[in-house]
Amino acid sequence: MQAKRLAECLHSIRWSPSTLANALRTNDEVIERWLSGADEIPTNVGSWVEALTFTHEASDDMRPTLTETENRSARPRKKLEHVPVYSYNLLRLLSQGPVVLRSLFGTDDEAAVFFLVSRGLAERDGDQLIITPVGKKMGEIPAAL
């Protein structure tokens, strides 16, 4: 990651250099050296910041509006959406019981967790991911006719 991209990511996730320093448990001077280009940004830090940025940008697309002028009686229109196979597979696994969240970190299932939680199909319960009633209904496979 280059210094310019780090600055763009911090702007996107609305973090100050101090917030990043705090999150990384380091001092502000380290971050300032990265942003100025004086020191190289470690690959693992760049990857982590990119992942945060991706997640933040994706969640921005689902931000609810809370304006007073909204027509409160209007029903929101449902938007058809494809459920990725990897998310559906995790949903089916959750229908068998809770899954320890830590077992999903660093795997392809991280994106599936984000997808399921952001759609209300799964939720965190302590250190576990559990299926919601809506997720349970979606994860059912109907009996053959």
Protein backbone atom coordinates (compact mmCIF):
# COMPACT_ATOMS: atom_id res chain seq x y z
CA MET A 1 0.00 0.00 0.00
CA GLN A 2 1.22 3.46 -0.89
CA ALA A 3 0.88 6.52 1.35
CA LYS A 4 -1.72 8.10 -0.95
CA ARG A 5 -3.92 4.98 -0.81
CA LEU A 6 -3.66 4.86 2.99
CA ALA A 7 -4.87 8.47 3.14
CA GLU A 8 -7.76 7.63 0.77
CA CYS A 9 -8.76 4.64 2.89
CA LEU A 10 -8.66 6.66 6.12
CA HIS A 11 -10.85 9.30 4.49
CA SER A 12 -13.29 6.64 3.26
CA ILE A 13 -13.70 5.02 6.68
CA ARG A 14 -13.74 8.43 8.37
CA TRP A 15 -10.70 7.70 10.55
CA SER A 16 -8.05 10.15 11.58
CA PRO A 17 -4.40 9.06 11.68
CA SER A 18 -4.77 9.03 15.48
CA THR A 19 -7.68 6.59 15.26
CA LEU A 20 -5.56 4.25 13.15
CA ALA A 21 -2.67 4.58 15.59
CA ASN A 22 -5.01 3.76 18.46
CA ALA A 23 -6.44 0.73 16.61
CA LEU A 24 -2.93 -0.57 15.90
CA ARG A 25 -1.75 0.24 19.44
CA THR A 26 1.06 2.41 18.20
CA ASN A 27 1.85 6.12 18.34
CA ASP A 28 0.75 8.83 15.93
CA GLU A 29 4.30 9.37 14.65
CA VAL A 30 4.37 5.89 13.06
CA ILE A 31 1.21 6.67 11.09
CA GLU A 32 2.46 10.12 10.10
CA ARG A 33 5.67 8.54 8.73
CA TRP A 34 3.57 6.12 6.65
CA LEU A 35 1.34 8.93 5.36
CA SER A 36 4.32 11.08 4.43
CA GLY A 37 5.98 8.19 2.61
CA ALA A 38 9.00 8.28 4.92
CA ASP A 39 8.41 4.68 6.06
CA GLU A 40 6.96 1.73 4.18
CA ILE A 41 3.50 0.58 5.26
CA PRO A 42 3.64 -3.06 6.40
CA THR A 43 1.75 -5.41 4.07
CA ASN A 44 -0.43 -6.80 6.85
CA VAL A 45 -1.46 -3.27 7.87
CA GLY A 46 -2.27 -2.32 4.27
CA SER A 47 -4.34 -5.47 3.80
CA TRP A 48 -6.24 -4.87 7.02
CA VAL A 49 -6.98 -1.23 6.17
CA GLU A 50 -8.15 -2.27 2.67
CA ALA A 51 -10.48 -4.87 4.23
CA LEU A 52 -11.89 -2.25 6.62
CA THR A 53 -12.41 0.12 3.71
CA PHE A 54 -14.17 -2.50 1.62
CA THR A 55 -16.48 -3.42 4.49
CA HIS A 56 -17.20 0.21 5.31
CA GLU A 57 -17.97 1.10 1.70
CA ALA A 58 -20.26 -1.93 1.33
CA SER A 59 -22.14 -1.07 4.52
CA ASP A 60 -22.56 2.53 3.36
CA ASP A 61 -24.69 1.22 0.50
CA MET A 62 -27.17 -0.13 3.06
CA ARG A 63 -27.29 2.89 5.36
CA PRO A 64 -30.89 3.68 6.31
CA THR A 65 -32.24 7.17 5.85
CA LEU A 66 -33.71 8.80 8.91
CA THR A 67 -35.16 12.03 7.61
CA GLU A 68 -38.28 13.59 9.05
CA THR A 69 -39.67 14.26 5.58
CA GLU A 70 -39.77 10.58 4.65
CA ASN A 71 -43.19 9.23 3.90
CA ARG A 72 -43.52 6.91 6.87
CA SER A 73 -46.62 5.19 5.50
CA ALA A 74 -44.93 4.13 2.28
CA ARG A 75 -43.80 0.52 2.28
CA PRO A 76 -40.20 0.00 1.27
CA ARG A 77 -39.90 -1.88 -1.99
CA LYS A 78 -38.11 -5.18 -1.72
CA LYS A 79 -35.13 -5.45 -3.98
CA LEU A 80 -34.43 -8.89 -5.38
CA GLU A 81 -30.94 -9.96 -4.55
CA HIS A 82 -28.74 -12.92 -5.33
CA VAL A 83 -27.47 -14.80 -2.28
CA PRO A 84 -23.89 -15.87 -2.99
CA VAL A 85 -23.31 -19.62 -2.79
CA TYR A 86 -20.65 -19.23 -0.10
CA SER A 87 -23.13 -17.28 2.05
CA TYR A 88 -25.89 -19.79 1.47
CA ASN A 89 -23.56 -22.64 2.43
CA LEU A 90 -22.70 -20.90 5.69
CA LEU A 91 -26.40 -20.25 6.28
CA ARG A 92 -27.10 -23.97 5.87
CA LEU A 93 -24.29 -24.75 8.32
CA LEU A 94 -25.79 -22.31 10.82
CA SER A 95 -29.15 -24.08 10.54
CA GLN A 96 -27.41 -27.06 12.20
CA GLY A 97 -26.23 -24.94 15.15
CA PRO A 98 -24.07 -21.97 16.17
CA VAL A 99 -20.59 -21.52 14.71
CA VAL A 100 -17.71 -20.02 16.69
CA LEU A 101 -16.87 -16.71 14.99
CA ARG A 102 -13.14 -17.04 15.50
CA SER A 103 -13.17 -20.21 13.37
CA LEU A 104 -14.33 -18.07 10.43
CA PHE A 105 -11.65 -15.36 10.70
CA GLY A 106 -9.05 -15.45 7.96
CA THR A 107 -11.19 -17.67 5.73
CA ASP A 108 -13.40 -17.06 2.73
CA ASP A 109 -16.31 -17.21 5.17
CA GLU A 110 -15.54 -13.68 6.45
CA ALA A 111 -17.41 -12.22 3.47
CA ALA A 112 -20.26 -14.68 4.03
CA VAL A 113 -20.54 -13.54 7.66
CA PHE A 114 -20.76 -9.90 6.57
CA PHE A 115 -23.37 -10.73 3.93
CA LEU A 116 -25.57 -12.78 6.28
CA VAL A 117 -25.39 -10.31 9.18
CA SER A 118 -26.00 -7.28 6.95
CA ARG A 119 -29.17 -8.93 5.58
CA GLY A 120 -30.50 -10.00 8.99
CA LEU A 121 -30.04 -13.70 8.19
CA ALA A 122 -27.53 -14.32 11.00
CA GLU A 123 -26.42 -12.48 14.11
CA ARG A 124 -23.69 -12.50 16.69
CA ASP A 125 -24.42 -14.10 20.05
CA GLY A 126 -21.35 -13.68 22.24
CA ASP A 127 -18.50 -15.39 20.42
CA GLN A 128 -20.80 -17.34 18.11
CA LEU A 129 -22.70 -16.70 14.91
CA ILE A 130 -26.30 -17.91 14.99
CA ILE A 131 -29.06 -18.07 12.42
CA THR A 132 -32.07 -15.75 12.74
CA PRO A 133 -35.66 -16.84 12.09
CA VAL A 134 -35.52 -15.11 8.69
CA GLY A 135 -32.28 -16.93 7.89
CA LYS A 136 -33.74 -20.23 9.03
CA LYS A 137 -36.66 -19.80 6.65
CA MET A 138 -34.35 -18.91 3.76
CA GLY A 139 -31.99 -21.79 4.49
CA GLU A 140 -34.71 -24.44 4.36
CA ILE A 141 -34.78 -26.77 1.43
CA PRO A 142 -38.38 -27.61 0.60
CA ALA A 143 -39.34 -31.29 0.50
CA ALA A 144 -39.68 -32.77 -2.96
CA LEU A 145 -43.21 -32.73 -4.26
